[in-house]
Amino acid sequence: MAVSSELESVRHATFSAEEQWPLQRLADAVGPVVDAGVALARTVRSERATAFARLGHQWNALGQRDALGAVLTRPSAAPGWNVADFFETGRADVERLMCAIASRAPGLVTRRALDFGCGVGRLTQPLADHFAEVQGVDVAESMIARARLENTTPARCHFQVNRRPHLRRFKTGTFDLVYSRLVLQHMPPTLVSRYIPELVRVLAPGGLLVFQLPGVIFDPGRSFCEAPVRGRLKGALPRRLVHAYRRLKYPLYQPPPSGMEMFGMARDTVVALLEGAGARILMTSADDSHGTSVPGFEYWATRSVASLPGYFSGAAITAVAPTSASNSTVSM
């Protein structure tokens, strides 16, 4: 402590009062800016962690209460799902997908597939009839537990809990097909913006990414965060910092929803995320399976060999402009 005091005395003695004054003034000016930047970074990280924890809590509770009904809702007056009938809907959905792939992308390699947001494996298991290996990931432990219980093809079909806002458990370029249906619509846009680039990253060159997502849906949390700023003190803060703080504050003041939440994202924003991650849009088509009046879309995208240096794939890709037509053909 004595040595530190002596060093401090020497440092102050080195500069005259006139020399110290501008340095102190600079420190006073820069300090709050640095503090605000650090606070913003911490707030954004905390906000993302809170949103993901909220999502996991919500879907884990839904899986414990009624896993099949949470994955595929039924009218309130209808009886619960018969297990065989429930999984039959998955087989029908996958058959439609594979028929579309046979027509539009007949050259697709069928080694490995990813079912993102697999729930209880409604789509994962029938995908294993067409691919040598299928991985299903979900945020809810209760869903994965039920998926493993119902798994009839454990040699090819594997389920994992993913409690991270990324897919780093998988190497880049792992999957020939990445499929996600009725999943991203239940994630806040902040998480969707993180996951779409990850879905592209794990896609093999020449592979196919298919997912559906509705357009922008009213979000009370977003309205709360973007409300006008009142007060002289808050008004003097950077708007981005205020919004980040509100995004952190909102879920803390709102109890976890008892049911599932619905979100969406503008088509142009989705396309920008895909292209920014190195994907090429093959087609988009109308898809209203989310069940609201807001228009939705199904997106088909691929990743070229050039986007992953050193990776070889025998799949040829023919450029196709984005279209809303349902009969587009793509050579993969």
Protein backbone atom coordinates (compact mmCIF):
# COMPACT_ATOMS: atom_id res chain seq x y z
CA MET A 1 0.00 0.00 0.00
CA ALA A 2 2.88 2.38 0.86
CA VAL A 3 4.58 1.68 -2.47
CA SER A 4 1.34 2.42 -4.35
CA SER A 5 0.96 5.74 -2.51
CA GLU A 6 4.49 6.74 -3.40
CA LEU A 7 3.97 5.88 -7.06
CA GLU A 8 0.78 7.93 -7.11
CA SER A 9 2.62 10.88 -5.58
CA VAL A 10 5.34 10.64 -8.21
CA ARG A 11 2.75 10.45 -11.01
CA HIS A 12 0.99 13.61 -9.81
CA ALA A 13 4.30 15.38 -9.31
CA THR A 14 5.24 14.66 -12.92
CA PHE A 15 2.43 16.87 -14.31
CA SER A 16 1.75 20.46 -13.41
CA ALA A 17 -1.77 21.56 -12.54
CA GLU A 18 -2.15 23.06 -16.01
CA GLU A 19 -1.11 19.78 -17.61
CA GLN A 20 -3.41 17.66 -15.44
CA TRP A 21 -6.51 19.77 -16.14
CA PRO A 22 -7.08 18.83 -19.85
CA LEU A 23 -6.34 15.19 -19.11
CA GLN A 24 -8.87 15.15 -16.31
CA ARG A 25 -11.39 16.93 -18.52
CA LEU A 26 -10.90 14.29 -21.23
CA ALA A 27 -11.33 11.51 -18.70
CA ASP A 28 -14.51 13.09 -17.40
CA ALA A 29 -15.90 13.32 -20.93
CA VAL A 30 -14.93 9.82 -22.07
CA GLY A 31 -15.71 7.98 -18.85
CA PRO A 32 -19.53 8.16 -19.05
CA VAL A 33 -19.45 7.09 -22.71
CA VAL A 34 -17.35 4.04 -21.86
CA ASP A 35 -19.58 3.21 -18.89
CA ALA A 36 -22.68 3.50 -21.08
CA GLY A 37 -21.15 1.17 -23.69
CA VAL A 38 -20.27 -1.43 -21.07
CA ALA A 39 -23.75 -1.17 -19.55
CA LEU A 40 -25.33 -1.57 -22.99
CA ALA A 41 -23.29 -4.69 -23.77
CA ARG A 42 -24.15 -6.24 -20.42
CA THR A 43 -27.83 -5.34 -20.82
CA VAL A 44 -28.09 -6.85 -24.32
CA ARG A 45 -26.42 -10.06 -23.18
CA SER A 46 -28.69 -10.25 -20.13
CA GLU A 47 -31.76 -9.52 -22.25
CA ARG A 48 -30.95 -12.36 -24.65
CA ALA A 49 -30.28 -14.74 -21.77
CA THR A 50 -33.55 -13.72 -20.12
CA ALA A 51 -35.53 -14.20 -23.34
CA PHE A 52 -34.04 -17.65 -23.88
CA ALA A 53 -34.59 -18.69 -20.26
CA ARG A 54 -38.20 -17.52 -20.53
CA LEU A 55 -38.65 -19.55 -23.72
CA GLY A 56 -37.19 -22.66 -22.11
CA HIS A 57 -39.33 -22.32 -19.01
CA GLN A 58 -42.47 -21.79 -21.06
CA TRP A 59 -42.02 -24.80 -23.34
CA ASN A 60 -40.80 -27.09 -20.60
CA ALA A 61 -44.03 -26.35 -18.71
CA LEU A 62 -46.12 -26.92 -21.85
CA GLY A 63 -44.35 -30.23 -22.42
CA GLN A 64 -45.08 -31.35 -18.88
CA ARG A 65 -48.73 -30.37 -19.15
CA ASP A 66 -49.59 -31.64 -22.65
CA ALA A 67 -46.62 -32.28 -24.92
CA LEU A 68 -48.59 -33.44 -27.96
CA GLY A 69 -51.16 -30.65 -27.71
CA ALA A 70 -48.44 -28.03 -27.38
CA VAL A 71 -46.68 -29.23 -30.52
CA LEU A 72 -49.87 -29.44 -32.57
CA THR A 73 -52.82 -27.59 -31.11
CA ARG A 74 -56.40 -28.81 -31.39
CA PRO A 75 -59.72 -26.98 -30.88
CA SER A 76 -60.42 -26.42 -27.20
CA ALA A 77 -63.47 -28.71 -27.28
CA ALA A 78 -61.64 -31.54 -29.03
CA PRO A 79 -60.26 -34.52 -27.06
CA GLY A 80 -56.54 -34.95 -26.57
CA TRP A 81 -54.36 -36.50 -29.24
CA ASN A 82 -54.21 -40.21 -29.85
CA VAL A 83 -50.48 -40.94 -30.01
CA ALA A 84 -50.66 -42.90 -33.27
CA ASP A 85 -52.80 -40.23 -34.94
CA PHE A 86 -50.43 -37.51 -33.75
CA PHE A 87 -47.35 -39.12 -35.25
CA GLU A 88 -49.25 -39.90 -38.44
CA THR A 89 -49.58 -36.14 -39.02
CA GLY A 90 -45.80 -35.93 -38.92
CA ARG A 91 -45.40 -38.68 -41.47
CA ALA A 92 -47.86 -36.92 -43.77
CA ASP A 93 -46.00 -33.61 -43.41
CA VAL A 94 -42.63 -35.21 -44.14
CA GLU A 95 -44.01 -37.07 -47.15
CA ARG A 96 -45.23 -33.76 -48.58
CA LEU A 97 -41.80 -32.24 -47.94
CA MET A 98 -39.93 -35.12 -49.57
CA CYS A 99 -42.24 -35.08 -52.59
CA ALA A 100 -41.54 -31.36 -52.97
CA ILE A 101 -37.81 -32.00 -52.67
CA ALA A 102 -37.99 -34.78 -55.27
CA SER A 103 -39.69 -32.33 -57.62
CA ARG A 104 -37.71 -29.16 -56.90
CA ALA A 105 -34.34 -30.43 -55.65
CA PRO A 106 -33.95 -34.04 -56.81
CA GLY A 107 -30.17 -34.02 -56.30
CA LEU A 108 -30.32 -33.46 -52.54
CA VAL A 109 -27.95 -35.70 -50.58
CA THR A 110 -29.71 -37.67 -47.81
CA ARG A 111 -26.97 -38.31 -45.27
CA ARG A 112 -27.81 -36.13 -42.28
CA ALA A 113 -30.83 -34.01 -41.38
CA LEU A 114 -31.59 -31.61 -38.52
CA ASP A 115 -35.06 -31.09 -37.09
CA PHE A 116 -34.75 -27.75 -35.30
CA GLY A 117 -37.33 -27.37 -32.51
CA CYS A 118 -38.21 -31.05 -32.75
CA GLY A 119 -40.61 -31.18 -29.80
CA VAL A 120 -41.53 -34.84 -29.23
CA GLY A 121 -40.14 -35.95 -32.60
CA ARG A 122 -43.29 -35.62 -34.73
CA LEU A 123 -41.17 -34.82 -37.80
CA THR A 124 -37.84 -36.24 -36.65
CA GLN A 125 -38.88 -39.87 -36.76
CA PRO A 126 -40.37 -39.84 -40.27
CA LEU A 127 -37.31 -37.91 -41.51
CA ALA A 128 -35.28 -40.93 -40.37
CA ASP A 129 -37.09 -42.96 -43.04
CA HIS A 130 -35.36 -40.82 -45.67
CA PHE A 131 -32.00 -39.87 -44.10
CA ALA A 132 -29.19 -42.02 -42.70
CA GLU A 133 -29.04 -39.89 -39.53
CA VAL A 134 -31.40 -37.32 -38.04
CA GLN A 135 -30.75 -35.04 -35.08
CA GLY A 136 -33.64 -33.41 -33.24
CA VAL A 137 -32.95 -30.49 -30.90
CA ASP A 138 -35.34 -28.66 -28.60
CA VAL A 139 -35.15 -26.15 -25.76
CA ALA A 140 -37.51 -28.12 -23.49
CA GLU A 141 -36.23 -31.06 -21.46
CA SER A 142 -39.77 -32.38 -21.07
CA MET A 143 -40.21 -32.50 -24.86
CA ILE A 144 -36.93 -34.32 -25.41
CA ALA A 145 -37.76 -36.81 -22.66
CA ARG A 146 -41.05 -37.65 -24.43
CA ALA A 147 -39.30 -37.77 -27.82
CA ARG A 148 -36.82 -40.35 -26.53
CA LEU A 149 -39.65 -42.36 -25.02
CA GLU A 150 -41.52 -42.47 -28.35
CA ASN A 151 -38.40 -43.04 -30.48
CA THR A 152 -38.84 -46.16 -32.63
CA THR A 153 -35.61 -45.73 -34.65
CA PRO A 154 -32.90 -44.96 -32.07
CA ALA A 155 -30.12 -46.13 -34.39
CA ARG A 156 -30.79 -43.28 -36.84
CA CYS A 157 -32.85 -40.80 -34.82
CA HIS A 158 -31.20 -38.86 -31.96
CA PHE A 159 -32.57 -36.19 -29.62
CA GLN A 160 -30.73 -33.48 -27.71
CA VAL A 161 -31.69 -30.66 -25.37
CA ASN A 162 -30.25 -27.35 -26.57
CA ARG A 163 -30.38 -24.63 -23.90
CA ARG A 164 -28.15 -22.17 -25.75
CA PRO A 165 -29.08 -19.44 -28.27
CA HIS A 166 -26.79 -21.10 -30.83
CA LEU A 167 -26.02 -24.51 -32.35
CA ARG A 168 -22.30 -24.74 -31.65
CA ARG A 169 -22.70 -28.36 -30.61
CA PHE A 170 -22.76 -29.05 -34.39
CA LYS A 171 -19.86 -28.39 -36.72
CA THR A 172 -20.19 -26.05 -39.67
CA GLY A 173 -21.63 -27.78 -42.76
CA THR A 174 -22.96 -30.83 -40.90
CA PHE A 175 -26.46 -31.30 -42.34
CA ASP A 176 -27.78 -31.90 -45.86
CA LEU A 177 -31.28 -30.86 -44.76
CA VAL A 178 -32.17 -28.40 -42.01
CA TYR A 179 -35.90 -28.35 -41.39
CA SER A 180 -37.97 -26.32 -38.95
CA ARG A 181 -41.75 -26.07 -38.95
CA LEU A 182 -44.08 -24.27 -36.53
CA VAL A 183 -41.07 -23.42 -34.35
CA LEU A 184 -39.51 -20.03 -35.13
CA GLN A 185 -42.95 -18.42 -34.84
CA HIS A 186 -42.80 -19.03 -31.08
CA MET A 187 -39.45 -17.29 -30.60
CA PRO A 188 -38.94 -13.55 -30.01
CA PRO A 189 -37.34 -11.83 -33.02
CA THR A 190 -34.13 -11.28 -31.05
CA LEU A 191 -33.67 -15.07 -30.85
CA VAL A 192 -34.80 -15.72 -34.42
CA SER A 193 -32.14 -13.25 -35.56
CA ARG A 194 -29.55 -15.35 -33.73
CA TYR A 195 -30.80 -18.73 -34.90
CA ILE A 196 -31.30 -18.16 -38.64
CA PRO A 197 -27.56 -17.57 -39.22
CA GLU A 198 -26.87 -20.69 -37.15
CA LEU A 199 -29.23 -22.76 -39.30
CA VAL A 200 -27.30 -21.57 -42.34
CA ARG A 201 -23.94 -22.27 -40.71
CA VAL A 202 -24.68 -25.94 -39.96
CA LEU A 203 -26.04 -26.47 -43.49
CA ALA A 204 -23.73 -28.39 -45.82
CA PRO A 205 -22.81 -26.82 -49.16
CA GLY A 206 -25.47 -27.89 -51.64
CA GLY A 207 -27.78 -28.67 -48.74
CA LEU A 208 -31.32 -27.40 -48.23
CA LEU A 209 -32.74 -25.20 -45.47
CA VAL A 210 -36.54 -25.13 -45.22
CA PHE A 211 -38.53 -23.27 -42.57
CA GLN A 212 -41.75 -21.32 -42.19
CA LEU A 213 -42.34 -18.03 -40.42
CA PRO A 214 -45.26 -15.56 -40.31
CA GLY A 215 -44.84 -11.87 -41.00
CA VAL A 216 -44.79 -9.23 -38.28
CA ILE A 217 -47.29 -9.93 -35.49
CA PHE A 218 -48.16 -7.36 -32.81
CA ASP A 219 -45.74 -7.78 -29.94
CA PRO A 220 -46.65 -6.05 -26.65
CA GLY A 221 -43.07 -6.42 -25.45
CA ARG A 222 -41.77 -4.55 -28.48
CA SER A 223 -44.36 -1.82 -28.00
CA PHE A 224 -43.25 -1.46 -24.39
CA CYS A 225 -39.59 -1.21 -25.37
CA GLU A 226 -40.16 1.31 -28.16
CA ALA A 227 -42.58 3.60 -26.30
CA PRO A 228 -41.63 7.31 -26.19
CA VAL A 229 -38.98 8.23 -23.65
CA ARG A 230 -40.16 10.62 -20.92
CA GLY A 231 -38.11 12.58 -18.43
CA ARG A 232 -35.01 14.73 -18.83
CA LEU A 233 -32.64 12.09 -17.43
CA LYS A 234 -33.83 9.24 -19.68
CA GLY A 235 -34.14 11.62 -22.60
CA ALA A 236 -30.45 12.43 -22.33
CA LEU A 237 -29.45 8.76 -22.59
CA PRO A 238 -28.76 7.03 -25.94
CA ARG A 239 -32.05 5.64 -27.27
CA ARG A 240 -30.46 2.26 -27.90
CA LEU A 241 -29.43 2.02 -24.25
CA VAL A 242 -32.98 2.85 -23.10
CA HIS A 243 -34.47 0.23 -25.42
CA ALA A 244 -31.99 -2.41 -24.27
CA TYR A 245 -32.80 -1.66 -20.63
CA ARG A 246 -36.53 -1.93 -21.34
CA ARG A 247 -36.06 -5.27 -23.13
CA LEU A 248 -34.36 -6.54 -19.98
CA LYS A 249 -36.99 -5.02 -17.70
CA TYR A 250 -40.11 -6.18 -19.58
CA PRO A 251 -39.89 -9.97 -18.94
CA LEU A 252 -38.96 -9.36 -15.30
CA TYR A 253 -42.24 -7.49 -14.75
CA GLN A 254 -44.32 -9.95 -16.77
CA PRO A 255 -45.09 -13.45 -15.43
CA PRO A 256 -44.19 -16.32 -17.78
CA PRO A 257 -47.16 -16.92 -20.13
CA SER A 258 -49.32 -19.92 -19.38
CA GLY A 259 -49.72 -20.63 -23.10
CA MET A 260 -47.51 -20.30 -26.15
CA GLU A 261 -46.56 -16.91 -27.54
CA MET A 262 -46.64 -16.07 -31.25
CA PHE A 263 -44.14 -13.86 -33.04
CA GLY A 264 -43.24 -13.05 -36.62
CA MET A 265 -40.72 -11.28 -38.78
CA ALA A 266 -40.95 -9.23 -41.97
CA ARG A 267 -40.10 -11.16 -45.13
CA ASP A 268 -37.39 -8.67 -46.14
CA THR A 269 -35.76 -9.04 -42.72
CA VAL A 270 -35.71 -12.84 -43.02
CA VAL A 271 -34.20 -12.66 -46.50
CA ALA A 272 -31.54 -10.21 -45.26
CA LEU A 273 -30.63 -12.54 -42.39
CA LEU A 274 -30.31 -15.51 -44.73
CA GLU A 275 -28.23 -13.69 -47.29
CA GLY A 276 -26.11 -12.05 -44.60
CA ALA A 277 -25.25 -15.53 -43.29
CA GLY A 278 -24.13 -16.72 -46.73
CA ALA A 279 -27.30 -18.45 -47.89
CA ARG A 280 -28.91 -18.10 -51.29
CA ILE A 281 -32.70 -17.93 -51.47
CA LEU A 282 -34.10 -20.60 -53.73
CA MET A 283 -37.78 -19.76 -53.30
CA THR A 284 -40.38 -18.38 -50.96
CA SER A 285 -44.03 -19.38 -51.01
CA ALA A 286 -47.14 -18.42 -49.09
CA ASP A 287 -47.62 -20.45 -45.91
CA ASP A 288 -50.41 -19.67 -43.46
CA SER A 289 -50.00 -22.74 -41.26
CA HIS A 290 -49.33 -20.51 -38.23
CA GLY A 291 -53.09 -19.93 -38.06
CA THR A 292 -53.44 -16.13 -37.90
CA SER A 293 -54.57 -13.53 -40.42
CA VAL A 294 -50.99 -12.28 -40.81
CA PRO A 295 -49.46 -13.61 -44.06
CA GLY A 296 -46.68 -16.13 -43.64
CA PHE A 297 -44.03 -17.68 -45.85
CA GLU A 298 -42.05 -20.86 -46.30
CA TYR A 299 -38.40 -20.22 -47.15
CA TRP A 300 -36.13 -22.52 -49.16
CA ALA A 301 -32.43 -21.66 -49.14
CA THR A 302 -29.12 -23.31 -49.90
CA ARG A 303 -25.46 -22.69 -49.28
CA SER A 304 -22.89 -22.75 -52.03
CA VAL A 305 -19.59 -24.61 -51.90
CA ALA A 306 -17.78 -21.28 -52.18
CA SER A 307 -19.14 -20.19 -48.79
CA LEU A 308 -17.15 -22.94 -47.07
CA PRO A 309 -13.59 -23.04 -48.45
CA GLY A 310 -12.15 -26.53 -48.65
CA TYR A 311 -15.50 -28.31 -48.45
CA PHE A 312 -16.36 -30.46 -51.45
CA SER A 313 -19.87 -31.51 -52.37
CA GLY A 314 -20.95 -33.25 -55.53
CA ALA A 315 -24.30 -31.45 -55.52
CA ALA A 316 -24.75 -28.99 -58.37
CA ILE A 317 -26.71 -25.82 -57.71
CA THR A 318 -28.67 -23.88 -60.28
CA ALA A 319 -29.51 -20.28 -59.44
CA VAL A 320 -33.21 -19.62 -58.97
CA ALA A 321 -34.66 -16.21 -58.18
CA PRO A 322 -36.94 -15.95 -55.12
CA THR A 323 -40.53 -16.51 -56.13
CA SER A 324 -43.92 -17.03 -54.61
CA ALA A 325 -44.76 -19.82 -57.05
CA SER A 326 -45.12 -23.30 -55.64
CA ASN A 327 -43.73 -25.20 -58.63
CA SER A 328 -40.21 -23.78 -58.80
CA THR A 329 -37.50 -26.28 -59.74
CA VAL A 330 -34.03 -26.23 -58.23
CA SER A 331 -31.12 -28.45 -59.26
CA MET A 332 -29.17 -29.27 -56.12
